[in-house]
Amino acid sequence: MRRVISILNDVTDAVVISAFILMFLLIFTNVVLRFLFSSGLTFSDEIARYAFVWSTFLGAVIAMQANAHIGITGIRPYVPERFHPLLDALINSLKLIIALIVLVGSVEVLIANLGTRAPFTGAPIAIAQASIVTGAFGLILIFLGRLWIALNRARG
């Protein structure tokens, strides 16, 4: 199982890095072309936008996996140590519920816009919207794993 998680983390990292490189190259090229030749690549904004959306949602998964997200720890010091696993289970349950709501909503939006295409490239808008579904699904997997760990700690 750890091997599968490691492979998924490596693939996610590679996709985000590739998206950033693609965004940089497209935007830099477009700026140079507009400055020197007064014309740019019409498709670069759409592709850069798609890459940005994918890097954002996959970056959220990476940050959550690495515990690099913003956390609020105002309650934890006031809760006795023996209740920390239960507090962790409650927090991960709430995060899981929110991620499930995002997943359901993003699937509905994705399905509603399956036929919609981008104006310049003609690429399906669903490519960008699939990033939300993918990100929410990744977060759900993380929260389920952390909830399992917290419940096992609570049991002793």
C-alpha atoms as a PDB file:
ATOM      1  CA  MET A   1       0.000   0.000   0.000  1.00  0.00           C
ATOM      2  CA  ARG A   2       2.841   2.388   0.823  1.00  0.00           C
ATOM      3  CA  ARG A   3       4.368   1.677  -2.577  1.00  0.00           C
ATOM      4  CA  VAL A   4       1.123   2.646  -4.331  1.00  0.00           C
ATOM      5  CA  ILE A   5       0.897   5.855  -2.273  1.00  0.00           C
ATOM      6  CA  SER A   6       4.512   6.667  -3.105  1.00  0.00           C
ATOM      7  CA  ILE A   7       3.874   6.154  -6.832  1.00  0.00           C
ATOM      8  CA  LEU A   8       0.717   8.316  -6.691  1.00  0.00           C
ATOM      9  CA  ASN A   9       2.659  11.053  -4.873  1.00  0.00           C
ATOM     10  CA  ASP A  10       5.414  10.942  -7.503  1.00  0.00           C
ATOM     11  CA  VAL A  11       2.897  11.111 -10.368  1.00  0.00           C
ATOM     12  CA  THR A  12       1.053  14.006  -8.721  1.00  0.00           C
ATOM     13  CA  ASP A  13       4.325  15.883  -8.177  1.00  0.00           C
ATOM     14  CA  ALA A  14       5.323  15.304 -11.811  1.00  0.00           C
ATOM     15  CA  VAL A  15       1.978  16.546 -13.142  1.00  0.00           C
ATOM     16  CA  VAL A  16       2.111  19.719 -11.022  1.00  0.00           C
ATOM     17  CA  ILE A  17       5.722  20.435 -12.010  1.00  0.00           C
ATOM     18  CA  SER A  18       4.876  19.845 -15.675  1.00  0.00           C
ATOM     19  CA  ALA A  19       1.861  22.148 -15.391  1.00  0.00           C
ATOM     20  CA  PHE A  20       4.011  24.913 -13.907  1.00  0.00           C
ATOM     21  CA  ILE A  21       6.640  24.521 -16.614  1.00  0.00           C
ATOM     22  CA  LEU A  22       3.953  24.580 -19.304  1.00  0.00           C
ATOM     23  CA  MET A  23       2.362  27.698 -17.794  1.00  0.00           C
ATOM     24  CA  PHE A  24       5.718  29.464 -17.612  1.00  0.00           C
ATOM     25  CA  LEU A  25       6.665  28.606 -21.179  1.00  0.00           C
ATOM     26  CA  LEU A  26       3.314  29.597 -22.637  1.00  0.00           C
ATOM     27  CA  ILE A  27       3.005  32.884 -20.783  1.00  0.00           C
ATOM     28  CA  PHE A  28       6.673  33.836 -21.323  1.00  0.00           C
ATOM     29  CA  THR A  29       6.452  33.038 -25.039  1.00  0.00           C
ATOM     30  CA  ASN A  30       3.219  34.985 -25.356  1.00  0.00           C
ATOM     31  CA  VAL A  31       4.694  38.034 -23.597  1.00  0.00           C
ATOM     32  CA  VAL A  32       7.775  37.987 -25.833  1.00  0.00           C
ATOM     33  CA  LEU A  33       5.690  37.589 -28.988  1.00  0.00           C
ATOM     34  CA  ARG A  34       3.362  40.416 -28.024  1.00  0.00           C
ATOM     35  CA  PHE A  35       6.259  42.705 -27.121  1.00  0.00           C
ATOM     36  CA  LEU A  36       8.388  42.009 -30.184  1.00  0.00           C
ATOM     37  CA  PHE A  37       5.829  41.218 -32.867  1.00  0.00           C
ATOM     38  CA  SER A  38       2.596  42.766 -31.524  1.00  0.00           C
ATOM     39  CA  SER A  39       0.829  39.434 -31.770  1.00  0.00           C
ATOM     40  CA  GLY A  40       0.613  36.437 -29.522  1.00  0.00           C
ATOM     41  CA  LEU A  41      -0.575  32.884 -29.333  1.00  0.00           C
ATOM     42  CA  THR A  42      -4.358  32.875 -29.061  1.00  0.00           C
ATOM     43  CA  PHE A  43      -4.478  29.455 -27.460  1.00  0.00           C
ATOM     44  CA  SER A  44      -1.828  30.058 -24.796  1.00  0.00           C
ATOM     45  CA  ASP A  45      -4.166  31.704 -22.291  1.00  0.00           C
ATOM     46  CA  GLU A  46      -6.597  28.787 -22.363  1.00  0.00           C
ATOM     47  CA  ILE A  47      -3.927  26.122 -22.020  1.00  0.00           C
ATOM     48  CA  ALA A  48      -2.163  28.078 -19.257  1.00  0.00           C
ATOM     49  CA  ARG A  49      -5.510  28.430 -17.465  1.00  0.00           C
ATOM     50  CA  TYR A  50      -6.091  24.671 -17.660  1.00  0.00           C
ATOM     51  CA  ALA A  51      -2.576  24.012 -16.352  1.00  0.00           C
ATOM     52  CA  PHE A  52      -3.123  26.500 -13.523  1.00  0.00           C
ATOM     53  CA  VAL A  53      -6.384  24.878 -12.440  1.00  0.00           C
ATOM     54  CA  TRP A  54      -4.828  21.414 -12.455  1.00  0.00           C
ATOM     55  CA  SER A  55      -1.778  22.582 -10.509  1.00  0.00           C
ATOM     56  CA  THR A  56      -4.019  24.286  -7.952  1.00  0.00           C
ATOM     57  CA  PHE A  57      -6.180  21.282  -7.139  1.00  0.00           C
ATOM     58  CA  LEU A  58      -3.380  18.726  -7.299  1.00  0.00           C
ATOM     59  CA  GLY A  59      -1.237  21.116  -5.237  1.00  0.00           C
ATOM     60  CA  ALA A  60      -3.931  21.045  -2.560  1.00  0.00           C
ATOM     61  CA  VAL A  61      -3.649  17.264  -2.475  1.00  0.00           C
ATOM     62  CA  ILE A  62       0.147  17.465  -2.236  1.00  0.00           C
ATOM     63  CA  ALA A  63      -0.048  20.034   0.565  1.00  0.00           C
ATOM     64  CA  MET A  64      -2.564  17.963   2.509  1.00  0.00           C
ATOM     65  CA  GLN A  65      -0.507  14.799   2.103  1.00  0.00           C
ATOM     66  CA  ALA A  66       2.600  16.614   3.393  1.00  0.00           C
ATOM     67  CA  ASN A  67       0.730  18.399   6.221  1.00  0.00           C
ATOM     68  CA  ALA A  68       1.841  21.694   4.686  1.00  0.00           C
ATOM     69  CA  HIS A  69      -1.612  23.268   4.772  1.00  0.00           C
ATOM     70  CA  ILE A  70      -2.847  25.938   7.137  1.00  0.00           C
ATOM     71  CA  GLY A  71      -4.257  24.473  10.316  1.00  0.00           C
ATOM     72  CA  ILE A  72      -6.072  25.988  13.258  1.00  0.00           C
ATOM     73  CA  THR A  73      -4.878  24.572  16.543  1.00  0.00           C
ATOM     74  CA  GLY A  74      -6.671  26.860  18.977  1.00  0.00           C
ATOM     75  CA  ILE A  75      -8.725  24.114  20.597  1.00  0.00           C
ATOM     76  CA  ARG A  76      -6.119  21.346  20.866  1.00  0.00           C
ATOM     77  CA  PRO A  77      -4.151  22.766  23.848  1.00  0.00           C
ATOM     78  CA  TYR A  78      -7.354  22.958  25.911  1.00  0.00           C
ATOM     79  CA  VAL A  79      -8.412  19.377  25.245  1.00  0.00           C
ATOM     80  CA  PRO A  80      -6.888  16.696  27.495  1.00  0.00           C
ATOM     81  CA  GLU A  81      -4.237  14.558  25.776  1.00  0.00           C
ATOM     82  CA  ARG A  82      -6.349  11.398  25.981  1.00  0.00           C
ATOM     83  CA  PHE A  83      -9.047  13.029  23.804  1.00  0.00           C
ATOM     84  CA  HIS A  84      -6.668  14.107  21.011  1.00  0.00           C
ATOM     85  CA  PRO A  85      -7.362  10.979  18.903  1.00  0.00           C
ATOM     86  CA  LEU A  86     -11.102  11.652  19.157  1.00  0.00           C
ATOM     87  CA  LEU A  87     -10.529  15.288  18.234  1.00  0.00           C
ATOM     88  CA  ASP A  88      -8.466  14.160  15.239  1.00  0.00           C
ATOM     89  CA  ALA A  89     -11.264  11.777  14.220  1.00  0.00           C
ATOM     90  CA  LEU A  90     -13.836  14.578  14.479  1.00  0.00           C
ATOM     91  CA  ILE A  91     -11.689  17.004  12.482  1.00  0.00           C
ATOM     92  CA  ASN A  92     -10.968  14.450   9.754  1.00  0.00           C
ATOM     93  CA  SER A  93     -14.667  13.530   9.612  1.00  0.00           C
ATOM     94  CA  LEU A  94     -15.579  17.181   9.030  1.00  0.00           C
ATOM     95  CA  LYS A  95     -12.891  17.512   6.353  1.00  0.00           C
ATOM     96  CA  LEU A  96     -14.159  14.322   4.736  1.00  0.00           C
ATOM     97  CA  ILE A  97     -17.739  15.634   4.654  1.00  0.00           C
ATOM     98  CA  ILE A  98     -16.606  18.895   3.035  1.00  0.00           C
ATOM     99  CA  ALA A  99     -14.520  17.020   0.450  1.00  0.00           C
ATOM    100  CA  LEU A 100     -17.503  14.771  -0.333  1.00  0.00           C
ATOM    101  CA  ILE A 101     -19.706  17.830  -0.861  1.00  0.00           C
ATOM    102  CA  VAL A 102     -17.089  19.320  -3.197  1.00  0.00           C
ATOM    103  CA  LEU A 103     -16.831  15.997  -5.059  1.00  0.00           C
ATOM    104  CA  VAL A 104     -20.582  15.671  -5.564  1.00  0.00           C
ATOM    105  CA  GLY A 105     -20.926  19.293  -6.669  1.00  0.00           C
ATOM    106  CA  SER A 106     -17.970  19.112  -9.030  1.00  0.00           C
ATOM    107  CA  VAL A 107     -19.261  15.911 -10.631  1.00  0.00           C
ATOM    108  CA  GLU A 108     -22.617  17.598 -11.228  1.00  0.00           C
ATOM    109  CA  VAL A 109     -20.923  20.612 -12.828  1.00  0.00           C
ATOM    110  CA  LEU A 110     -18.681  18.341 -14.892  1.00  0.00           C
ATOM    111  CA  ILE A 111     -21.638  16.359 -16.220  1.00  0.00           C
ATOM    112  CA  ALA A 112     -23.633  19.528 -16.951  1.00  0.00           C
ATOM    113  CA  ASN A 113     -20.791  20.956 -19.051  1.00  0.00           C
ATOM    114  CA  LEU A 114     -19.626  17.871 -20.937  1.00  0.00           C
ATOM    115  CA  GLY A 115     -20.502  19.350 -24.312  1.00  0.00           C
ATOM    116  CA  THR A 116     -19.034  22.798 -23.673  1.00  0.00           C
ATOM    117  CA  ARG A 117     -15.826  23.684 -25.511  1.00  0.00           C
ATOM    118  CA  ALA A 118     -13.221  26.394 -25.054  1.00  0.00           C
ATOM    119  CA  PRO A 119     -13.441  29.200 -27.645  1.00  0.00           C
ATOM    120  CA  PHE A 120      -9.934  29.132 -29.156  1.00  0.00           C
ATOM    121  CA  THR A 121      -8.640  25.592 -28.705  1.00  0.00           C
ATOM    122  CA  GLY A 122     -11.964  23.785 -28.873  1.00  0.00           C
ATOM    123  CA  ALA A 123     -10.832  21.677 -25.926  1.00  0.00           C
ATOM    124  CA  PRO A 124     -13.578  20.422 -23.640  1.00  0.00           C
ATOM    125  CA  ILE A 125     -14.149  22.580 -20.562  1.00  0.00           C
ATOM    126  CA  ALA A 126     -14.513  19.268 -18.729  1.00  0.00           C
ATOM    127  CA  ILE A 127     -10.713  18.930 -18.782  1.00  0.00           C
ATOM    128  CA  ALA A 128     -10.420  21.826 -16.345  1.00  0.00           C
ATOM    129  CA  GLN A 129     -13.439  20.751 -14.314  1.00  0.00           C
ATOM    130  CA  ALA A 130     -12.054  17.235 -13.969  1.00  0.00           C
ATOM    131  CA  SER A 131      -9.246  18.728 -11.877  1.00  0.00           C
ATOM    132  CA  ILE A 132     -11.748  19.586  -9.142  1.00  0.00           C
ATOM    133  CA  VAL A 133     -13.103  16.039  -9.171  1.00  0.00           C
ATOM    134  CA  THR A 134      -9.574  14.624  -9.072  1.00  0.00           C
ATOM    135  CA  GLY A 135      -8.491  16.951  -6.285  1.00  0.00           C
ATOM    136  CA  ALA A 136     -11.565  16.232  -4.184  1.00  0.00           C
ATOM    137  CA  PHE A 137     -11.122  12.489  -4.687  1.00  0.00           C
ATOM    138  CA  GLY A 138      -7.467  12.717  -3.630  1.00  0.00           C
ATOM    139  CA  LEU A 139      -8.404  14.668  -0.517  1.00  0.00           C
ATOM    140  CA  ILE A 140     -11.115  12.130   0.319  1.00  0.00           C
ATOM    141  CA  LEU A 141      -8.552   9.324   0.182  1.00  0.00           C
ATOM    142  CA  ILE A 142      -6.215  11.268   2.484  1.00  0.00           C
ATOM    143  CA  PHE A 143      -8.995  12.075   4.960  1.00  0.00           C
ATOM    144  CA  LEU A 144     -10.195   8.467   4.998  1.00  0.00           C
ATOM    145  CA  GLY A 145      -6.671   7.296   5.793  1.00  0.00           C
ATOM    146  CA  ARG A 146      -6.247   9.852   8.548  1.00  0.00           C
ATOM    147  CA  LEU A 147      -9.683   9.071   9.967  1.00  0.00           C
ATOM    148  CA  TRP A 148      -8.765   5.379  10.070  1.00  0.00           C
ATOM    149  CA  ILE A 149      -5.528   6.193  11.914  1.00  0.00           C
ATOM    150  CA  ALA A 150      -7.312   8.489  14.375  1.00  0.00           C
ATOM    151  CA  LEU A 151      -9.999   5.889  15.130  1.00  0.00           C
ATOM    152  CA  ASN A 152      -7.371   3.207  15.679  1.00  0.00           C
ATOM    153  CA  ARG A 153      -5.515   5.515  18.097  1.00  0.00           C
ATOM    154  CA  ALA A 154      -8.762   6.260  19.911  1.00  0.00           C
ATOM    155  CA  ARG A 155      -9.384   2.551  20.385  1.00  0.00           C
ATOM    156  CA  GLY A 156      -5.909   2.172  21.845  1.00  0.00           C
END
